[in-house]
Amino acid sequence: MEWNDHKTRCSWANPKNPLYIAYHDSEWGIPVHDDQKLFEMLLLESFQAGLSWECVLNKREVFREAFDRFDPAKVCAYDEEKLLSLQQNPGIIRNRRKLQAAVQNARIFREIQREFGSFSSYLWGWSGGEIIYEQGRTSSELSDAISQDLKKRGMTFVGTTILYAYLQAVGVIYSHEPGCFLERQT
């Protein structure tokens, strides 16, 4: 694919969407250790279920506003009135089950923070703090295990495929494609 800046990127990045290019170039695959950013990406990945990441990415700024800048302490306190308000917001994905899952998952996220000291410690503990380099997959033993654990704890919309995409997004798994200017093997 020909890019205006003559850089070759992963095939999934839309060359006509500046948000997508910026996401690919400066965010996707970069290790994240900040809990609020980890929560943001977990919430957004769960909203992606059945949709494209580009759809979610294009709505991210409205999601940030609607979800109190992805503050898990605030999101876990959402009540029925707030959920109804979110369902009326045309700038986000308004699926009732996903909205309820966001609140429930925020509660579990906070429980994990209390148990492990941070969600980052929990998440990166699965790989021993190491980045895993692999390409061409949509799930793995790692995403299977984390998905199972999060479900056991009570999270929803955290299946292995969603978790794999999440792990790629936050840099636990580094998956830039062969030929991409960001590809690295180790």
C-alpha atoms as a PDB file:
ATOM      1  CA  MET A   1       0.000   0.000   0.000  1.00  0.00           C
ATOM      2  CA  GLU A   2       1.285   3.468  -0.846  1.00  0.00           C
ATOM      3  CA  TRP A   3       1.344   5.962   2.024  1.00  0.00           C
ATOM      4  CA  ASN A   4       1.614   9.713   1.532  1.00  0.00           C
ATOM      5  CA  ASP A   5       4.665   9.883   3.816  1.00  0.00           C
ATOM      6  CA  HIS A   6       6.228   6.835   2.093  1.00  0.00           C
ATOM      7  CA  LYS A   7       6.316   4.806   5.322  1.00  0.00           C
ATOM      8  CA  THR A   8       5.002   1.263   5.141  1.00  0.00           C
ATOM      9  CA  ARG A   9       2.530   0.398   7.912  1.00  0.00           C
ATOM     10  CA  CYS A  10       0.537  -2.587   9.115  1.00  0.00           C
ATOM     11  CA  SER A  11      -2.203  -3.553   6.675  1.00  0.00           C
ATOM     12  CA  TRP A  12      -4.995  -2.808   9.176  1.00  0.00           C
ATOM     13  CA  ALA A  13      -4.156   0.915   9.438  1.00  0.00           C
ATOM     14  CA  ASN A  14      -6.419   3.033   7.232  1.00  0.00           C
ATOM     15  CA  PRO A  15      -4.234   5.454   5.242  1.00  0.00           C
ATOM     16  CA  LYS A  16      -7.200   7.824   4.823  1.00  0.00           C
ATOM     17  CA  ASN A  17      -7.847   8.246   8.551  1.00  0.00           C
ATOM     18  CA  PRO A  18      -5.355  10.539  10.338  1.00  0.00           C
ATOM     19  CA  LEU A  19      -6.572   9.284  13.751  1.00  0.00           C
ATOM     20  CA  TYR A  20      -5.808   5.731  12.731  1.00  0.00           C
ATOM     21  CA  ILE A  21      -2.372   6.624  11.378  1.00  0.00           C
ATOM     22  CA  ALA A  22      -1.508   8.495  14.591  1.00  0.00           C
ATOM     23  CA  TYR A  23      -2.791   5.569  16.677  1.00  0.00           C
ATOM     24  CA  HIS A  24      -0.722   3.083  14.686  1.00  0.00           C
ATOM     25  CA  ASP A  25       2.428   5.201  14.678  1.00  0.00           C
ATOM     26  CA  SER A  26       2.525   6.502  18.240  1.00  0.00           C
ATOM     27  CA  GLU A  27       0.304   4.349  20.433  1.00  0.00           C
ATOM     28  CA  TRP A  28      -0.374   0.775  19.305  1.00  0.00           C
ATOM     29  CA  GLY A  29       2.179  -1.653  20.668  1.00  0.00           C
ATOM     30  CA  ILE A  30       3.907   0.814  22.985  1.00  0.00           C
ATOM     31  CA  PRO A  31       4.096  -0.615  26.517  1.00  0.00           C
ATOM     32  CA  VAL A  32       1.563   0.969  28.873  1.00  0.00           C
ATOM     33  CA  HIS A  33       1.975   0.859  32.650  1.00  0.00           C
ATOM     34  CA  ASP A  34      -0.392   3.679  33.620  1.00  0.00           C
ATOM     35  CA  ASP A  35      -3.529   2.190  35.178  1.00  0.00           C
ATOM     36  CA  GLN A  36      -5.886   4.836  33.850  1.00  0.00           C
ATOM     37  CA  LYS A  37      -4.630   4.297  30.300  1.00  0.00           C
ATOM     38  CA  LEU A  38      -4.860   0.523  30.788  1.00  0.00           C
ATOM     39  CA  PHE A  39      -8.461   0.966  31.915  1.00  0.00           C
ATOM     40  CA  GLU A  40      -9.242   3.222  28.952  1.00  0.00           C
ATOM     41  CA  MET A  41      -7.963   0.665  26.487  1.00  0.00           C
ATOM     42  CA  LEU A  42      -9.722  -2.225  28.249  1.00  0.00           C
ATOM     43  CA  LEU A  43     -13.007  -0.350  28.162  1.00  0.00           C
ATOM     44  CA  LEU A  44     -12.597   0.653  24.522  1.00  0.00           C
ATOM     45  CA  GLU A  45     -11.591  -2.858  23.452  1.00  0.00           C
ATOM     46  CA  SER A  46     -14.707  -4.242  25.135  1.00  0.00           C
ATOM     47  CA  PHE A  47     -16.847  -1.784  23.175  1.00  0.00           C
ATOM     48  CA  GLN A  48     -15.160  -2.975  19.986  1.00  0.00           C
ATOM     49  CA  ALA A  49     -16.694  -6.469  20.302  1.00  0.00           C
ATOM     50  CA  GLY A  50     -18.494  -7.127  17.029  1.00  0.00           C
ATOM     51  CA  LEU A  51     -17.348  -3.819  15.535  1.00  0.00           C
ATOM     52  CA  SER A  52     -14.175  -2.422  13.994  1.00  0.00           C
ATOM     53  CA  TRP A  53     -11.442  -0.777  16.027  1.00  0.00           C
ATOM     54  CA  GLU A  54     -11.634   2.184  13.656  1.00  0.00           C
ATOM     55  CA  CYS A  55     -15.265   2.740  14.656  1.00  0.00           C
ATOM     56  CA  VAL A  56     -14.275   2.847  18.334  1.00  0.00           C
ATOM     57  CA  LEU A  57     -11.180   4.957  17.702  1.00  0.00           C
ATOM     58  CA  ASN A  58     -13.231   7.556  15.832  1.00  0.00           C
ATOM     59  CA  LYS A  59     -15.478   7.864  18.902  1.00  0.00           C
ATOM     60  CA  ARG A  60     -12.711   7.851  21.523  1.00  0.00           C
ATOM     61  CA  GLU A  61     -12.815  11.552  22.375  1.00  0.00           C
ATOM     62  CA  VAL A  62     -16.566  11.420  22.982  1.00  0.00           C
ATOM     63  CA  PHE A  63     -16.047   8.241  25.039  1.00  0.00           C
ATOM     64  CA  ARG A  64     -13.443  10.100  27.127  1.00  0.00           C
ATOM     65  CA  GLU A  65     -15.894  12.858  27.893  1.00  0.00           C
ATOM     66  CA  ALA A  66     -18.829  10.499  28.504  1.00  0.00           C
ATOM     67  CA  PHE A  67     -16.786   8.178  30.750  1.00  0.00           C
ATOM     68  CA  ASP A  68     -15.152  10.812  32.976  1.00  0.00           C
ATOM     69  CA  ARG A  69     -11.769  10.585  31.225  1.00  0.00           C
ATOM     70  CA  PHE A  70     -11.798   6.837  31.930  1.00  0.00           C
ATOM     71  CA  ASP A  71     -11.417   7.223  35.666  1.00  0.00           C
ATOM     72  CA  PRO A  72     -12.214   3.725  36.981  1.00  0.00           C
ATOM     73  CA  ALA A  73     -13.216   5.087  40.412  1.00  0.00           C
ATOM     74  CA  LYS A  74     -15.886   7.230  38.783  1.00  0.00           C
ATOM     75  CA  VAL A  75     -17.044   4.630  36.254  1.00  0.00           C
ATOM     76  CA  CYS A  76     -17.533   1.928  38.898  1.00  0.00           C
ATOM     77  CA  ALA A  77     -19.918   4.290  40.728  1.00  0.00           C
ATOM     78  CA  TYR A  78     -22.228   4.809  37.734  1.00  0.00           C
ATOM     79  CA  ASP A  79     -25.869   4.242  38.576  1.00  0.00           C
ATOM     80  CA  GLU A  80     -28.949   3.541  36.480  1.00  0.00           C
ATOM     81  CA  GLU A  81     -29.469   7.238  35.777  1.00  0.00           C
ATOM     82  CA  LYS A  82     -25.938   7.557  34.382  1.00  0.00           C
ATOM     83  CA  LEU A  83     -26.394   4.420  32.263  1.00  0.00           C
ATOM     84  CA  LEU A  84     -29.602   5.853  30.806  1.00  0.00           C
ATOM     85  CA  SER A  85     -27.755   9.088  30.052  1.00  0.00           C
ATOM     86  CA  LEU A  86     -24.995   7.156  28.269  1.00  0.00           C
ATOM     87  CA  GLN A  87     -27.594   5.301  26.211  1.00  0.00           C
ATOM     88  CA  GLN A  88     -28.790   8.662  24.909  1.00  0.00           C
ATOM     89  CA  ASN A  89     -25.308   9.792  23.816  1.00  0.00           C
ATOM     90  CA  PRO A  90     -25.118   9.419  20.012  1.00  0.00           C
ATOM     91  CA  GLY A  91     -21.332   9.900  20.045  1.00  0.00           C
ATOM     92  CA  ILE A  92     -20.594   6.568  21.715  1.00  0.00           C
ATOM     93  CA  ILE A  93     -21.580   2.939  21.235  1.00  0.00           C
ATOM     94  CA  ARG A  94     -24.825   2.705  23.186  1.00  0.00           C
ATOM     95  CA  ASN A  95     -25.200  -1.039  23.588  1.00  0.00           C
ATOM     96  CA  ARG A  96     -26.823  -1.537  27.000  1.00  0.00           C
ATOM     97  CA  ARG A  97     -24.912  -4.748  27.778  1.00  0.00           C
ATOM     98  CA  LYS A  98     -21.578  -3.103  26.954  1.00  0.00           C
ATOM     99  CA  LEU A  99     -22.431  -0.071  29.082  1.00  0.00           C
ATOM    100  CA  GLN A 100     -23.322  -2.308  32.029  1.00  0.00           C
ATOM    101  CA  ALA A 101     -20.135  -4.298  31.440  1.00  0.00           C
ATOM    102  CA  ALA A 102     -18.078  -1.091  31.579  1.00  0.00           C
ATOM    103  CA  VAL A 103     -19.380  -0.400  35.087  1.00  0.00           C
ATOM    104  CA  GLN A 104     -18.953  -3.986  36.269  1.00  0.00           C
ATOM    105  CA  ASN A 105     -15.493  -4.229  34.721  1.00  0.00           C
ATOM    106  CA  ALA A 106     -14.482  -0.969  36.424  1.00  0.00           C
ATOM    107  CA  ARG A 107     -15.416  -2.512  39.770  1.00  0.00           C
ATOM    108  CA  ILE A 108     -13.353  -5.622  39.053  1.00  0.00           C
ATOM    109  CA  PHE A 109     -10.498  -3.449  37.761  1.00  0.00           C
ATOM    110  CA  ARG A 110     -10.463  -1.619  41.115  1.00  0.00           C
ATOM    111  CA  GLU A 111     -10.506  -4.928  43.013  1.00  0.00           C
ATOM    112  CA  ILE A 112      -7.491  -6.070  40.984  1.00  0.00           C
ATOM    113  CA  GLN A 113      -5.726  -2.783  41.770  1.00  0.00           C
ATOM    114  CA  ARG A 114      -6.279  -3.377  45.480  1.00  0.00           C
ATOM    115  CA  GLU A 115      -5.106  -6.978  45.270  1.00  0.00           C
ATOM    116  CA  PHE A 116      -1.969  -6.384  43.168  1.00  0.00           C
ATOM    117  CA  GLY A 117      -1.146  -2.765  44.017  1.00  0.00           C
ATOM    118  CA  SER A 118      -1.928  -1.735  40.441  1.00  0.00           C
ATOM    119  CA  PHE A 119      -3.633  -3.182  37.399  1.00  0.00           C
ATOM    120  CA  SER A 120      -0.309  -2.798  35.609  1.00  0.00           C
ATOM    121  CA  SER A 121       1.343  -5.182  38.084  1.00  0.00           C
ATOM    122  CA  TYR A 122      -1.436  -7.701  37.502  1.00  0.00           C
ATOM    123  CA  LEU A 123      -1.331  -7.429  33.708  1.00  0.00           C
ATOM    124  CA  TRP A 124       2.421  -7.351  33.195  1.00  0.00           C
ATOM    125  CA  GLY A 125       2.865 -10.133  35.749  1.00  0.00           C
ATOM    126  CA  TRP A 126       1.390 -12.542  33.211  1.00  0.00           C
ATOM    127  CA  SER A 127       4.398 -12.062  30.927  1.00  0.00           C
ATOM    128  CA  GLY A 128       6.943 -11.611  33.699  1.00  0.00           C
ATOM    129  CA  GLY A 129       7.187  -7.957  32.700  1.00  0.00           C
ATOM    130  CA  GLU A 130       8.478  -8.918  29.262  1.00  0.00           C
ATOM    131  CA  ILE A 131       7.167  -7.897  25.857  1.00  0.00           C
ATOM    132  CA  ILE A 132       6.115 -10.830  23.689  1.00  0.00           C
ATOM    133  CA  TYR A 133       6.926 -10.523  19.982  1.00  0.00           C
ATOM    134  CA  GLU A 134       4.518 -12.358  17.709  1.00  0.00           C
ATOM    135  CA  GLN A 135       2.491 -11.656  14.600  1.00  0.00           C
ATOM    136  CA  GLY A 136      -0.456 -12.973  12.672  1.00  0.00           C
ATOM    137  CA  ARG A 137      -2.509 -14.173  15.628  1.00  0.00           C
ATOM    138  CA  THR A 138      -5.854 -13.265  17.160  1.00  0.00           C
ATOM    139  CA  SER A 139      -5.442 -15.221  20.383  1.00  0.00           C
ATOM    140  CA  SER A 140      -2.787 -17.079  22.342  1.00  0.00           C
ATOM    141  CA  GLU A 141      -2.290 -19.112  25.499  1.00  0.00           C
ATOM    142  CA  LEU A 142      -1.612 -15.808  27.259  1.00  0.00           C
ATOM    143  CA  SER A 143      -4.833 -14.136  26.110  1.00  0.00           C
ATOM    144  CA  ASP A 144      -6.719 -17.364  26.927  1.00  0.00           C
ATOM    145  CA  ALA A 145      -5.340 -17.389  30.479  1.00  0.00           C
ATOM    146  CA  ILE A 146      -5.936 -13.698  31.201  1.00  0.00           C
ATOM    147  CA  SER A 147      -9.417 -13.871  29.682  1.00  0.00           C
ATOM    148  CA  GLN A 148     -10.276 -16.867  31.865  1.00  0.00           C
ATOM    149  CA  ASP A 149      -8.976 -15.135  34.967  1.00  0.00           C
ATOM    150  CA  LEU A 150     -10.843 -11.879  34.301  1.00  0.00           C
ATOM    151  CA  LYS A 151     -14.065 -13.786  33.606  1.00  0.00           C
ATOM    152  CA  LYS A 152     -13.602 -15.761  36.807  1.00  0.00           C
ATOM    153  CA  ARG A 153     -13.298 -12.448  38.632  1.00  0.00           C
ATOM    154  CA  GLY A 154     -16.572 -11.273  37.052  1.00  0.00           C
ATOM    155  CA  MET A 155     -15.578  -9.218  33.998  1.00  0.00           C
ATOM    156  CA  THR A 156     -17.522  -9.506  30.760  1.00  0.00           C
ATOM    157  CA  PHE A 157     -16.680  -8.677  27.139  1.00  0.00           C
ATOM    158  CA  VAL A 158     -13.150  -9.918  27.825  1.00  0.00           C
ATOM    159  CA  GLY A 159     -12.978 -12.975  25.580  1.00  0.00           C
ATOM    160  CA  THR A 160      -9.628 -14.210  24.351  1.00  0.00           C
ATOM    161  CA  THR A 161      -9.805 -12.324  21.031  1.00  0.00           C
ATOM    162  CA  ILE A 162     -10.669  -9.047  22.767  1.00  0.00           C
ATOM    163  CA  LEU A 163      -7.898  -9.674  25.291  1.00  0.00           C
ATOM    164  CA  TYR A 164      -5.382 -10.436  22.562  1.00  0.00           C
ATOM    165  CA  ALA A 165      -6.202  -7.155  20.803  1.00  0.00           C
ATOM    166  CA  TYR A 166      -5.922  -5.398  24.171  1.00  0.00           C
ATOM    167  CA  LEU A 167      -2.515  -6.951  24.868  1.00  0.00           C
ATOM    168  CA  GLN A 168      -1.341  -5.783  21.454  1.00  0.00           C
ATOM    169  CA  ALA A 169      -2.708  -2.280  22.006  1.00  0.00           C
ATOM    170  CA  VAL A 170      -0.973  -1.824  25.374  1.00  0.00           C
ATOM    171  CA  GLY A 171       2.323  -3.348  24.258  1.00  0.00           C
ATOM    172  CA  VAL A 172       2.386  -6.625  26.175  1.00  0.00           C
ATOM    173  CA  ILE A 173       2.320  -8.277  22.754  1.00  0.00           C
ATOM    174  CA  TYR A 174       4.228  -6.488  20.010  1.00  0.00           C
ATOM    175  CA  SER A 175       2.761  -7.356  16.611  1.00  0.00           C
ATOM    176  CA  HIS A 176       3.706  -4.827  13.956  1.00  0.00           C
ATOM    177  CA  GLU A 177       3.628  -6.686  10.646  1.00  0.00           C
ATOM    178  CA  PRO A 178       6.607  -7.602   8.465  1.00  0.00           C
ATOM    179  CA  GLY A 179       7.553  -4.588   6.381  1.00  0.00           C
ATOM    180  CA  CYS A 180       5.955  -2.093   8.769  1.00  0.00           C
ATOM    181  CA  PHE A 181       8.406   0.660   9.625  1.00  0.00           C
ATOM    182  CA  LEU A 182       7.782  -0.140  13.315  1.00  0.00           C
ATOM    183  CA  GLU A 183       8.383  -3.889  13.038  1.00  0.00           C
ATOM    184  CA  ARG A 184      10.811  -5.282  15.626  1.00  0.00           C
ATOM    185  CA  GLN A 185      11.647  -8.866  16.447  1.00  0.00           C
ATOM    186  CA  THR A 186      13.099  -8.396  19.930  1.00  0.00           C
END
